[in-house]
Each structure stands twice: as structure tokens, then as C-alpha cells.
PDB file of N, CA and C in Angstrom:
ATOM      1  N   UNK A   1     -70.706 -22.138  -4.247  1.00  0.00           N
ATOM      2  CA  UNK A   1     -70.206 -21.125  -3.362  1.00  0.00           C
ATOM      3  C   UNK A   1     -68.900 -21.594  -2.715  1.00  0.00           C
ATOM      4  N   UNK A   2     -68.907 -22.903  -2.313  1.00  0.00           N
ATOM      5  CA  UNK A   2     -67.695 -23.431  -1.705  1.00  0.00           C
ATOM      6  C   UNK A   2     -66.544 -23.393  -2.707  1.00  0.00           C
ATOM      7  N   UNK A   3     -66.823 -23.678  -3.928  1.00  0.00           N
ATOM      8  CA  UNK A   3     -65.786 -23.688  -4.949  1.00  0.00           C
ATOM      9  C   UNK A   3     -65.211 -22.285  -5.128  1.00  0.00           C
ATOM     10  N   UNK A   4     -66.077 -21.286  -5.055  1.00  0.00           N
ATOM     11  CA  UNK A   4     -65.619 -19.900  -5.190  1.00  0.00           C
ATOM     12  C   UNK A   4     -64.735 -19.524  -4.011  1.00  0.00           C
ATOM     13  N   UNK A   5     -65.136 -19.936  -2.791  1.00  0.00           N
ATOM     14  CA  UNK A   5     -64.323 -19.631  -1.600  1.00  0.00           C
ATOM     15  C   UNK A   5     -62.977 -20.350  -1.670  1.00  0.00           C
ATOM     16  N   UNK A   6     -63.016 -21.626  -2.099  1.00  0.00           N
ATOM     17  CA  UNK A   6     -61.746 -22.355  -2.261  1.00  0.00           C
ATOM     18  C   UNK A   6     -60.872 -21.680  -3.324  1.00  0.00           C
ATOM     19  N   UNK A   7     -61.478 -21.206  -4.367  1.00  0.00           N
ATOM     20  CA  UNK A   7     -60.734 -20.524  -5.437  1.00  0.00           C
ATOM     21  C   UNK A   7     -60.094 -19.233  -4.918  1.00  0.00           C
ATOM     22  N   UNK A   8     -60.869 -18.485  -4.128  1.00  0.00           N
ATOM     23  CA  UNK A   8     -60.343 -17.238  -3.547  1.00  0.00           C
ATOM     24  C   UNK A   8     -59.226 -17.559  -2.557  1.00  0.00           C
ATOM     25  N   UNK A   9     -59.436 -18.566  -1.710  1.00  0.00           N
ATOM     26  CA  UNK A   9     -58.418 -18.966  -0.736  1.00  0.00           C
ATOM     27  C   UNK A   9     -57.161 -19.423  -1.456  1.00  0.00           C
ATOM     28  N   UNK A  10     -57.345 -20.160  -2.549  1.00  0.00           N
ATOM     29  CA  UNK A  10     -56.207 -20.635  -3.315  1.00  0.00           C
ATOM     30  C   UNK A  10     -55.435 -19.456  -3.912  1.00  0.00           C
ATOM     31  N   UNK A  11     -56.156 -18.460  -4.460  1.00  0.00           N
ATOM     32  CA  UNK A  11     -55.499 -17.280  -5.018  1.00  0.00           C
ATOM     33  C   UNK A  11     -54.780 -16.474  -3.936  1.00  0.00           C
ATOM     34  N   UNK A  12     -55.373 -16.376  -2.744  1.00  0.00           N
ATOM     35  CA  UNK A  12     -54.728 -15.668  -1.629  1.00  0.00           C
ATOM     36  C   UNK A  12     -53.459 -16.411  -1.219  1.00  0.00           C
ATOM     37  N   UNK A  13     -53.562 -17.753  -1.153  1.00  0.00           N
ATOM     38  CA  UNK A  13     -52.388 -18.548  -0.788  1.00  0.00           C
ATOM     39  C   UNK A  13     -51.287 -18.369  -1.829  1.00  0.00           C
ATOM     40  N   UNK A  14     -51.648 -18.372  -3.120  1.00  0.00           N
ATOM     41  CA  UNK A  14     -50.649 -18.134  -4.160  1.00  0.00           C
ATOM     42  C   UNK A  14     -50.024 -16.745  -4.028  1.00  0.00           C
ATOM     43  N   UNK A  15     -50.851 -15.755  -3.690  1.00  0.00           N
ATOM     44  CA  UNK A  15     -50.336 -14.390  -3.493  1.00  0.00           C
ATOM     45  C   UNK A  15     -49.368 -14.322  -2.326  1.00  0.00           C
ATOM     46  N   UNK A  16     -49.710 -15.020  -1.211  1.00  0.00           N
ATOM     47  CA  UNK A  16     -48.839 -15.034  -0.037  1.00  0.00           C
ATOM     48  C   UNK A  16     -47.527 -15.745  -0.368  1.00  0.00           C
ATOM     49  N   UNK A  17     -47.631 -16.874  -1.066  1.00  0.00           N
ATOM     50  CA  UNK A  17     -46.422 -17.625  -1.443  1.00  0.00           C
ATOM     51  C   UNK A  17     -45.566 -16.780  -2.396  1.00  0.00           C
ATOM     52  N   UNK A  18     -46.222 -16.109  -3.332  1.00  0.00           N
ATOM     53  CA  UNK A  18     -45.489 -15.235  -4.263  1.00  0.00           C
ATOM     54  C   UNK A  18     -44.799 -14.091  -3.524  1.00  0.00           C
ATOM     55  N   UNK A  19     -45.497 -13.483  -2.562  1.00  0.00           N
ATOM     56  CA  UNK A  19     -44.913 -12.377  -1.797  1.00  0.00           C
ATOM     57  C   UNK A  19     -43.738 -12.872  -0.951  1.00  0.00           C
ATOM     58  N   UNK A  20     -43.896 -14.052  -0.344  1.00  0.00           N
ATOM     59  CA  UNK A  20     -42.820 -14.629   0.469  1.00  0.00           C
ATOM     60  C   UNK A  20     -41.618 -14.950  -0.414  1.00  0.00           C
ATOM     61  N   UNK A  21     -41.876 -15.506  -1.589  1.00  0.00           N
ATOM     62  CA  UNK A  21     -40.787 -15.795  -2.523  1.00  0.00           C
ATOM     63  C   UNK A  21     -40.067 -14.519  -2.954  1.00  0.00           C
ATOM     64  N   UNK A  22     -40.835 -13.473  -3.226  1.00  0.00           N
ATOM     65  CA  UNK A  22     -40.228 -12.198  -3.591  1.00  0.00           C
ATOM     66  C   UNK A  22     -39.376 -11.651  -2.456  1.00  0.00           C
ATOM     67  N   UNK A  23     -39.883 -11.741  -1.224  1.00  0.00           N
ATOM     68  CA  UNK A  23     -39.153 -11.248  -0.055  1.00  0.00           C
ATOM     69  C   UNK A  23     -37.848 -12.015   0.137  1.00  0.00           C
ATOM     70  N   UNK A  24     -37.915 -13.336   0.007  1.00  0.00           N
ATOM     71  CA  UNK A  24     -36.704 -14.155   0.151  1.00  0.00           C
ATOM     72  C   UNK A  24     -35.710 -13.820  -0.965  1.00  0.00           C
ATOM     73  N   UNK A  25     -36.198 -13.679  -2.160  1.00  0.00           N
ATOM     74  CA  UNK A  25     -35.331 -13.333  -3.289  1.00  0.00           C
ATOM     75  C   UNK A  25     -34.686 -11.963  -3.115  1.00  0.00           C
ATOM     76  N   UNK A  26     -35.457 -11.000  -2.626  1.00  0.00           N
ATOM     77  CA  UNK A  26     -34.922  -9.660  -2.413  1.00  0.00           C
ATOM     78  C   UNK A  26     -33.859  -9.662  -1.322  1.00  0.00           C
ATOM     79  N   UNK A  27     -34.100 -10.434  -0.263  1.00  0.00           N
ATOM     80  CA  UNK A  27     -33.099 -10.535   0.809  1.00  0.00           C
ATOM     81  C   UNK A  27     -31.807 -11.161   0.286  1.00  0.00           C
ATOM     82  N   UNK A  28     -31.937 -12.172  -0.561  1.00  0.00           N
ATOM     83  CA  UNK A  28     -30.745 -12.785  -1.148  1.00  0.00           C
ATOM     84  C   UNK A  28     -30.011 -11.779  -2.051  1.00  0.00           C
ATOM     85  N   UNK A  29     -30.778 -10.999  -2.775  1.00  0.00           N
ATOM     86  CA  UNK A  29     -30.184  -9.968  -3.629  1.00  0.00           C
ATOM     87  C   UNK A  29     -29.406  -8.955  -2.787  1.00  0.00           C
ATOM     88  N   UNK A  30     -29.999  -8.518  -1.666  1.00  0.00           N
ATOM     89  CA  UNK A  30     -29.315  -7.563  -0.786  1.00  0.00           C
ATOM     90  C   UNK A  30     -28.038  -8.166  -0.202  1.00  0.00           C
ATOM     91  N   UNK A  31     -28.100  -9.443   0.185  1.00  0.00           N
ATOM     92  CA  UNK A  31     -26.904 -10.093   0.728  1.00  0.00           C
ATOM     93  C   UNK A  31     -25.807 -10.168  -0.327  1.00  0.00           C
ATOM     94  N   UNK A  32     -26.176 -10.549  -1.529  1.00  0.00           N
ATOM     95  CA  UNK A  32     -25.156 -10.650  -2.583  1.00  0.00           C
ATOM     96  C   UNK A  32     -24.621  -9.268  -2.938  1.00  0.00           C
ATOM     97  N   UNK A  33     -25.477  -8.231  -2.887  1.00  0.00           N
ATOM     98  CA  UNK A  33     -25.039  -6.868  -3.167  1.00  0.00           C
ATOM     99  C   UNK A  33     -24.058  -6.388  -2.103  1.00  0.00           C
ATOM    100  N   UNK A  34     -24.329  -6.712  -0.849  1.00  0.00           N
ATOM    101  CA  UNK A  34     -23.431  -6.309   0.240  1.00  0.00           C
ATOM    102  C   UNK A  34     -22.073  -6.987   0.118  1.00  0.00           C
ATOM    103  N   UNK A  35     -22.040  -8.163  -0.425  1.00  0.00           N
ATOM    104  CA  UNK A  35     -20.776  -8.886  -0.581  1.00  0.00           C
ATOM    105  C   UNK A  35     -20.002  -8.472  -1.817  1.00  0.00           C
ATOM    106  N   UNK A  36     -20.629  -7.744  -2.728  1.00  0.00           N
ATOM    107  CA  UNK A  36     -19.951  -7.384  -3.977  1.00  0.00           C
ATOM    108  C   UNK A  36     -19.256  -6.036  -3.832  1.00  0.00           C
ATOM    109  N   UNK A  37     -18.479  -5.692  -4.859  1.00  0.00           N
ATOM    110  CA  UNK A  37     -17.789  -4.406  -4.871  1.00  0.00           C
ATOM    111  C   UNK A  37     -18.730  -3.248  -5.171  1.00  0.00           C
ATOM    112  N   UNK A  38     -19.916  -3.554  -5.602  1.00  0.00           N
ATOM    113  CA  UNK A  38     -20.891  -2.521  -5.933  1.00  0.00           C
ATOM    114  C   UNK A  38     -21.817  -2.206  -4.770  1.00  0.00           C
ATOM    115  N   UNK A  39     -21.451  -2.666  -3.599  1.00  0.00           N
ATOM    116  CA  UNK A  39     -22.248  -2.405  -2.409  1.00  0.00           C
ATOM    117  C   UNK A  39     -22.311  -0.895  -2.151  1.00  0.00           C
ATOM    118  N   UNK A  40     -23.484  -0.369  -1.857  1.00  0.00           N
ATOM    119  CA  UNK A  40     -23.588   1.074  -1.593  1.00  0.00           C
ATOM    120  C   UNK A  40     -22.674   1.519  -0.445  1.00  0.00           C
ATOM    121  N   UNK A  41     -22.553   0.705   0.575  1.00  0.00           N
ATOM    122  CA  UNK A  41     -21.697   1.066   1.702  1.00  0.00           C
ATOM    123  C   UNK A  41     -20.239   1.122   1.249  1.00  0.00           C
ATOM    124  N   UNK A  42     -19.813   0.111   0.490  1.00  0.00           N
ATOM    125  CA  UNK A  42     -18.430   0.093  -0.007  1.00  0.00           C
ATOM    126  C   UNK A  42     -18.183   1.263  -0.959  1.00  0.00           C
ATOM    127  N   UNK A  43     -19.151   1.539  -1.811  1.00  0.00           N
ATOM    128  CA  UNK A  43     -18.990   2.646  -2.742  1.00  0.00           C
ATOM    129  C   UNK A  43     -18.898   3.982  -2.008  1.00  0.00           C
ATOM    130  N   UNK A  44     -19.703   4.151  -0.975  1.00  0.00           N
ATOM    131  CA  UNK A  44     -19.644   5.384  -0.185  1.00  0.00           C
ATOM    132  C   UNK A  44     -18.290   5.513   0.500  1.00  0.00           C
ATOM    133  N   UNK A  45     -17.759   4.402   1.003  1.00  0.00           N
ATOM    134  CA  UNK A  45     -16.441   4.432   1.644  1.00  0.00           C
ATOM    135  C   UNK A  45     -15.366   4.785   0.613  1.00  0.00           C
ATOM    136  N   UNK A  46     -15.471   4.221  -0.579  1.00  0.00           N
ATOM    137  CA  UNK A  46     -14.502   4.526  -1.632  1.00  0.00           C
ATOM    138  C   UNK A  46     -14.574   6.001  -2.029  1.00  0.00           C
ATOM    139  N   UNK A  47     -15.794   6.524  -2.122  1.00  0.00           N
ATOM    140  CA  UNK A  47     -15.967   7.933  -2.475  1.00  0.00           C
ATOM    141  C   UNK A  47     -15.349   8.816  -1.387  1.00  0.00           C
ATOM    142  N   UNK A  48     -15.584   8.488  -0.120  1.00  0.00           N
ATOM    143  CA  UNK A  48     -15.006   9.268   0.982  1.00  0.00           C
ATOM    144  C   UNK A  48     -13.485   9.203   0.941  1.00  0.00           C
ATOM    145  N   UNK A  49     -12.941   8.019   0.675  1.00  0.00           N
ATOM    146  CA  UNK A  49     -11.483   7.871   0.587  1.00  0.00           C
ATOM    147  C   UNK A  49     -10.928   8.703  -0.561  1.00  0.00           C
ATOM    148  N   UNK A  50     -11.584   8.643  -1.713  1.00  0.00           N
ATOM    149  CA  UNK A  50     -11.131   9.410  -2.869  1.00  0.00           C
ATOM    150  C   UNK A  50     -11.216  10.917  -2.620  1.00  0.00           C
ATOM    151  N   UNK A  51     -12.258  11.364  -1.928  1.00  0.00           N
ATOM    152  CA  UNK A  51     -12.374  12.781  -1.606  1.00  0.00           C
ATOM    153  C   UNK A  51     -11.246  13.219  -0.680  1.00  0.00           C
ATOM    154  N   UNK A  52     -10.921  12.371   0.294  1.00  0.00           N
ATOM    155  CA  UNK A  52      -9.827  12.688   1.214  1.00  0.00           C
ATOM    156  C   UNK A  52      -8.495  12.728   0.459  1.00  0.00           C
ATOM    157  N   UNK A  53      -8.259  11.761  -0.418  1.00  0.00           N
ATOM    158  CA  UNK A  53      -7.040  11.749  -1.232  1.00  0.00           C
ATOM    159  C   UNK A  53      -6.980  12.978  -2.134  1.00  0.00           C
ATOM    160  N   UNK A  54      -8.117  13.358  -2.689  1.00  0.00           N
ATOM    161  CA  UNK A  54      -8.189  14.543  -3.544  1.00  0.00           C
ATOM    162  C   UNK A  54      -7.788  15.785  -2.750  1.00  0.00           C
ATOM    163  N   UNK A  55      -8.304  15.910  -1.542  1.00  0.00           N
ATOM    164  CA  UNK A  55      -7.959  17.047  -0.673  1.00  0.00           C
ATOM    165  C   UNK A  55      -6.463  17.050  -0.363  1.00  0.00           C
ATOM    166  N   UNK A  56      -5.912  15.873  -0.052  1.00  0.00           N
ATOM    167  CA  UNK A  56      -4.484  15.761   0.247  1.00  0.00           C
ATOM    168  C   UNK A  56      -3.653  16.166  -0.963  1.00  0.00           C
ATOM    169  N   UNK A  57      -4.053  15.703  -2.143  1.00  0.00           N
ATOM    170  CA  UNK A  57      -3.321  16.055  -3.369  1.00  0.00           C
ATOM    171  C   UNK A  57      -3.403  17.546  -3.661  1.00  0.00           C
ATOM    172  N   UNK A  58      -4.548  18.146  -3.408  1.00  0.00           N
ATOM    173  CA  UNK A  58      -4.681  19.592  -3.611  1.00  0.00           C
ATOM    174  C   UNK A  58      -3.746  20.356  -2.670  1.00  0.00           C
ATOM    175  N   UNK A  59      -3.665  19.892  -1.417  1.00  0.00           N
ATOM    176  CA  UNK A  59      -2.753  20.522  -0.456  1.00  0.00           C
ATOM    177  C   UNK A  59      -1.305  20.376  -0.918  1.00  0.00           C
ATOM    178  N   UNK A  60      -0.955  19.189  -1.414  1.00  0.00           N
ATOM    179  CA  UNK A  60       0.408  18.966  -1.893  1.00  0.00           C
ATOM    180  C   UNK A  60       0.719  19.852  -3.103  1.00  0.00           C
ATOM    181  N   UNK A  61      -0.243  19.994  -3.996  1.00  0.00           N
ATOM    182  CA  UNK A  61      -0.051  20.847  -5.175  1.00  0.00           C
ATOM    183  C   UNK A  61       0.151  22.297  -4.747  1.00  0.00           C
ATOM    184  N   UNK A  62      -0.658  22.755  -3.798  1.00  0.00           N
ATOM    185  CA  UNK A  62      -0.506  24.129  -3.314  1.00  0.00           C
ATOM    186  C   UNK A  62       0.866  24.321  -2.682  1.00  0.00           C
ATOM    187  N   UNK A  63       1.310  23.330  -1.907  1.00  0.00           N
ATOM    188  CA  UNK A  63       2.626  23.406  -1.274  1.00  0.00           C
ATOM    189  C   UNK A  63       3.726  23.444  -2.332  1.00  0.00           C
ATOM    190  N   UNK A  64       3.615  22.601  -3.352  1.00  0.00           N
ATOM    191  CA  UNK A  64       4.609  22.583  -4.422  1.00  0.00           C
ATOM    192  C   UNK A  64       4.627  23.912  -5.190  1.00  0.00           C
ATOM    193  N   UNK A  65       3.463  24.498  -5.401  1.00  0.00           N
ATOM    194  CA  UNK A  65       3.410  25.787  -6.092  1.00  0.00           C
ATOM    195  C   UNK A  65       4.126  26.864  -5.272  1.00  0.00           C
ATOM    196  N   UNK A  66       3.929  26.829  -3.951  1.00  0.00           N
ATOM    197  CA  UNK A  66       4.625  27.784  -3.087  1.00  0.00           C
ATOM    198  C   UNK A  66       6.132  27.572  -3.156  1.00  0.00           C
ATOM    199  N   UNK A  67       6.544  26.303  -3.176  1.00  0.00           N
ATOM    200  CA  UNK A  67       7.978  26.009  -3.270  1.00  0.00           C
ATOM    201  C   UNK A  67       8.554  26.487  -4.597  1.00  0.00           C
ATOM    202  N   UNK A  68       7.810  26.297  -5.686  1.00  0.00           N
ATOM    203  CA  UNK A  68       8.268  26.743  -7.004  1.00  0.00           C
ATOM    204  C   UNK A  68       8.386  28.269  -7.022  1.00  0.00           C
ATOM    205  N   UNK A  69       7.391  28.950  -6.468  1.00  0.00           N
ATOM    206  CA  UNK A  69       7.439  30.410  -6.426  1.00  0.00           C
ATOM    207  C   UNK A  69       8.638  30.885  -5.606  1.00  0.00           C
ATOM    208  N   UNK A  70       8.876  30.244  -4.464  1.00  0.00           N
ATOM    209  CA  UNK A  70      10.023  30.603  -3.639  1.00  0.00           C
ATOM    210  C   UNK A  70      11.327  30.319  -4.376  1.00  0.00           C
ATOM    211  N   UNK A  71      11.392  29.206  -5.092  1.00  0.00           N
ATOM    212  CA  UNK A  71      12.576  28.872  -5.870  1.00  0.00           C
ATOM    213  C   UNK A  71      12.824  29.866  -6.989  1.00  0.00           C
ATOM    214  N   UNK A  72      11.751  30.286  -7.665  1.00  0.00           N
ATOM    215  CA  UNK A  72      11.903  31.281  -8.733  1.00  0.00           C
ATOM    216  C   UNK A  72      12.391  32.612  -8.178  1.00  0.00           C
ATOM    217  N   UNK A  73      11.846  32.999  -7.031  1.00  0.00           N
ATOM    218  CA  UNK A  73      12.279  34.245  -6.395  1.00  0.00           C
ATOM    219  C   UNK A  73      13.751  34.148  -6.005  1.00  0.00           C
ATOM    220  N   UNK A  74      14.132  33.020  -5.431  1.00  0.00           N
ATOM    221  CA  UNK A  74      15.521  32.802  -5.042  1.00  0.00           C
ATOM    222  C   UNK A  74      16.428  32.811  -6.259  1.00  0.00           C
ATOM    223  N   UNK A  75      15.994  32.180  -7.331  1.00  0.00           N
ATOM    224  CA  UNK A  75      16.775  32.142  -8.569  1.00  0.00           C
ATOM    225  C   UNK A  75      16.942  33.545  -9.130  1.00  0.00           C
ATOM    226  N   UNK A  76      15.893  34.337  -9.099  1.00  0.00           N
ATOM    227  CA  UNK A  76      15.967  35.706  -9.601  1.00  0.00           C
ATOM    228  C   UNK A  76      16.944  36.523  -8.760  1.00  0.00           C
ATOM    229  N   UNK A  77      16.896  36.350  -7.448  1.00  0.00           N
ATOM    230  CA  UNK A  77      17.828  37.068  -6.574  1.00  0.00           C
ATOM    231  C   UNK A  77      19.263  36.622  -6.838  1.00  0.00           C
ATOM    232  N   UNK A  78      19.467  35.320  -7.022  1.00  0.00           N
ATOM    233  CA  UNK A  78      20.809  34.810  -7.304  1.00  0.00           C
ATOM    234  C   UNK A  78      21.308  35.334  -8.644  1.00  0.00           C
ATOM    235  N   UNK A  79      20.456  35.389  -9.649  1.00  0.00           N
ATOM    236  CA  UNK A  79      20.837  35.912 -10.962  1.00  0.00           C
ATOM    237  C   UNK A  79      21.220  37.385 -10.853  1.00  0.00           C
ATOM    238  N   UNK A  80      20.455  38.128 -10.068  1.00  0.00           N
ATOM    239  CA  UNK A  80      20.765  39.544  -9.868  1.00  0.00           C
ATOM    240  C   UNK A  80      22.113  39.689  -9.180  1.00  0.00           C
ATOM    241  N   UNK A  81      22.379  38.863  -8.188  1.00  0.00           N
ATOM    242  CA  UNK A  81      23.661  38.909  -7.481  1.00  0.00           C
ATOM    243  C   UNK A  81      24.807  38.585  -8.423  1.00  0.00           C
ATOM    244  N   UNK A  82      24.634  37.571  -9.263  1.00  0.00           N
ATOM    245  CA  UNK A  82      25.679  37.204 -10.232  1.00  0.00           C
ATOM    246  C   UNK A  82      25.916  38.356 -11.198  1.00  0.00           C
ATOM    247  N   UNK A  83      24.860  38.968 -11.679  1.00  0.00           N
ATOM    248  CA  UNK A  83      25.003  40.094 -12.611  1.00  0.00           C
ATOM    249  C   UNK A  83      25.732  41.248 -11.929  1.00  0.00           C
ATOM    250  N   UNK A  84      25.388  41.525 -10.679  1.00  0.00           N
ATOM    251  CA  UNK A  84      26.077  42.588  -9.934  1.00  0.00           C
ATOM    252  C   UNK A  84      27.555  42.259  -9.763  1.00  0.00           C
ATOM    253  N   UNK A  85      27.856  41.015  -9.439  1.00  0.00           N
ATOM    254  CA  UNK A  85      29.256  40.609  -9.273  1.00  0.00           C
ATOM    255  C   UNK A  85      30.020  40.694 -10.589  1.00  0.00           C
ATOM    256  N   UNK A  86      29.385  40.301 -11.692  1.00  0.00           N
ATOM    257  CA  UNK A  86      30.039  40.401 -12.995  1.00  0.00           C
ATOM    258  C   UNK A  86      30.318  41.861 -13.355  1.00  0.00           C
ATOM    259  N   UNK A  87      29.355  42.716 -13.080  1.00  0.00           N
ATOM    260  CA  UNK A  87      29.529  44.137 -13.359  1.00  0.00           C
ATOM    261  C   UNK A  87      30.664  44.702 -12.502  1.00  0.00           C
ATOM    262  N   UNK A  88      30.685  44.325 -11.227  1.00  0.00           N
ATOM    263  CA  UNK A  88      31.742  44.796 -10.326  1.00  0.00           C
ATOM    264  C   UNK A  88      33.114  44.274 -10.774  1.00  0.00           C
ATOM    265  N   UNK A  89      33.170  43.013 -11.188  1.00  0.00           N
ATOM    266  CA  UNK A  89      34.424  42.444 -11.679  1.00  0.00           C
ATOM    267  C   UNK A  89      34.905  43.177 -12.925  1.00  0.00           C
ATOM    268  N   UNK A  90      33.986  43.469 -13.828  1.00  0.00           N
ATOM    269  CA  UNK A  90      34.335  44.201 -15.042  1.00  0.00           C
ATOM    270  C   UNK A  90      34.879  45.584 -14.694  1.00  0.00           C
ATOM    271  N   UNK A  91      34.216  46.266 -13.764  1.00  0.00           N
ATOM    272  CA  UNK A  91      34.663  47.595 -13.343  1.00  0.00           C
ATOM    273  C   UNK A  91      36.053  47.525 -12.700  1.00  0.00           C
ATOM    274  N   UNK A  92      36.265  46.501 -11.878  1.00  0.00           N
ATOM    275  CA  UNK A  92      37.566  46.366 -11.226  1.00  0.00           C
ATOM    276  C   UNK A  92      38.664  46.052 -12.251  1.00  0.00           C
ATOM    277  N   UNK A  93      38.352  45.255 -13.265  1.00  0.00           N
ATOM    278  CA  UNK A  93      39.321  44.986 -14.327  1.00  0.00           C
ATOM    279  C   UNK A  93      39.667  46.273 -15.079  1.00  0.00           C
ATOM    280  N   UNK A  94      38.657  47.081 -15.328  1.00  0.00           N
ATOM    281  CA  UNK A  94      38.906  48.352 -16.010  1.00  0.00           C
ATOM    282  C   UNK A  94      39.810  49.243 -15.164  1.00  0.00           C
ATOM    283  N   UNK A  95      39.496  49.296 -13.848  1.00  0.00           N
ATOM    284  CA  UNK A  95      40.328  50.101 -12.959  1.00  0.00           C
ATOM    285  C   UNK A  95      41.763  49.573 -12.938  1.00  0.00           C
ATOM    286  N   UNK A  96      41.909  48.248 -12.897  1.00  0.00           N
ATOM    287  CA  UNK A  96      43.242  47.639 -12.910  1.00  0.00           C
ATOM    288  C   UNK A  96      43.979  47.971 -14.190  1.00  0.00           C
ATOM    289  N   UNK A  97      43.309  47.877 -15.328  1.00  0.00           N
ATOM    290  CA  UNK A  97      43.926  48.209 -16.606  1.00  0.00           C
ATOM    291  C   UNK A  97      44.341  49.680 -16.646  1.00  0.00           C
ATOM    292  N   UNK A  98      43.498  50.549 -16.120  1.00  0.00           N
ATOM    293  CA  UNK A  98      43.837  51.971 -16.084  1.00  0.00           C
ATOM    294  C   UNK A  98      45.040  52.223 -15.180  1.00  0.00           C
ATOM    295  N   UNK A  99      45.080  51.536 -14.029  1.00  0.00           N
ATOM    296  CA  UNK A  99      46.209  51.698 -13.110  1.00  0.00           C
ATOM    297  C   UNK A  99      47.493  51.174 -13.742  1.00  0.00           C
ATOM    298  N   UNK A 100      47.431  50.106 -14.474  1.00  0.00           N
ATOM    299  CA  UNK A 100      48.611  49.563 -15.167  1.00  0.00           C
ATOM    300  C   UNK A 100      49.113  50.533 -16.223  1.00  0.00           C
ATOM    301  N   UNK A 101      48.184  51.119 -16.963  1.00  0.00           N
ATOM    302  CA  UNK A 101      48.566  52.063 -18.000  1.00  0.00           C
ATOM    303  C   UNK A 101      49.277  53.265 -17.399  1.00  0.00           C
ATOM    304  N   UNK A 102      48.816  53.700 -16.214  1.00  0.00           N
ATOM    305  CA  UNK A 102      49.449  54.844 -15.560  1.00  0.00           C
ATOM    306  C   UNK A 102      50.829  54.496 -15.043  1.00  0.00           C
ATOM    307  N   UNK A 103      50.985  53.299 -14.520  1.00  0.00           N
ATOM    308  CA  UNK A 103      52.237  52.891 -13.898  1.00  0.00           C
ATOM    309  C   UNK A 103      53.264  52.414 -14.914  1.00  0.00           C
ATOM    310  N   UNK A 104      52.848  51.716 -15.881  1.00  0.00           N
ATOM    311  CA  UNK A 104      53.778  51.149 -16.866  1.00  0.00           C
ATOM    312  C   UNK A 104      53.799  52.028 -18.105  1.00  0.00           C
ATOM    313  N   UNK A 105      54.977  52.322 -18.585  1.00  0.00           N
ATOM    314  CA  UNK A 105      55.017  53.101 -19.817  1.00  0.00           C
ATOM    315  C   UNK A 105      54.576  52.244 -20.998  1.00  0.00           C
ATOM    316  N   UNK A 106      54.033  52.873 -21.983  1.00  0.00           N
ATOM    317  CA  UNK A 106      53.586  52.163 -23.177  1.00  0.00           C
ATOM    318  C   UNK A 106      54.800  51.593 -23.876  1.00  0.00           C
ATOM    319  N   UNK A 107      54.716  50.366 -24.348  1.00  0.00           N
ATOM    320  CA  UNK A 107      55.860  49.764 -25.033  1.00  0.00           C
ATOM    321  C   UNK A 107      56.172  50.517 -26.331  1.00  0.00           C
ATOM    322  N   UNK A 108      57.441  50.766 -26.537  1.00  0.00           N
ATOM    323  CA  UNK A 108      57.857  51.483 -27.756  1.00  0.00           C
ATOM    324  C   UNK A 108      58.542  50.525 -28.696  1.00  0.00           C
ATOM    325  N   UNK A 109      58.312  50.717 -29.966  1.00  0.00           N
ATOM    326  CA  UNK A 109      58.912  49.821 -30.962  1.00  0.00           C
ATOM    327  C   UNK A 109      59.749  50.587 -31.907  1.00  0.00           C
TER     328      UNK A 109
END
């Protein structure tokens, strides 16, 4: 009977030592994980930083798109103005040519 009790006590002691060893090993694992780049806290911080950068980039893209649209509108207005000026210049040249023809006699040969 004593041998059985000693055997049970020995198995309990081995179980306690095994559990303590596992606990110490797990704590060491957590410490090494916290010190590495794969730490959950570090990864969460990186994810938050990347999300913030993503938001900033989206805002910048939207701003650039607005600038491009404004530039295209401005370019279209400038092109229209140039076309109007060219048309007006052409009309004025025609008027000038007509006025010259009226004032100057046609050259005779």
C-alpha cells in the first residue's frame, strides 16, 4: 500500500514539475514573441499605421482627381478661348482684305 501511495505521489510530483516546466516555457515563449517583429501588439500597431496611411493616400488621390478635373475644365475653356480668338482673327483678316480691295484698285497688267 505504501508503495502505491509513493507511486501516486511520485506521479503527482512529476505532473506538477511537468506543469511548472510548461508554464515556464510558455512564459519564455511569450517574452520572446513580444520581443520579435511578429508580436501581436506590434502587428496591430503596424496594421493601424497602414490603415491610417491608406486613408491618407485615398484622400490624396481624391484631391489629385479633383485637381485633374479642374485642370481639364480649365484646358477646355482655354482651348475654346483660343478657337474663338482664331475665328475672330480670321474674320478681321477677311474684313481687312475686303477693305483693301475697296480702297486699292486692282493691279492692271
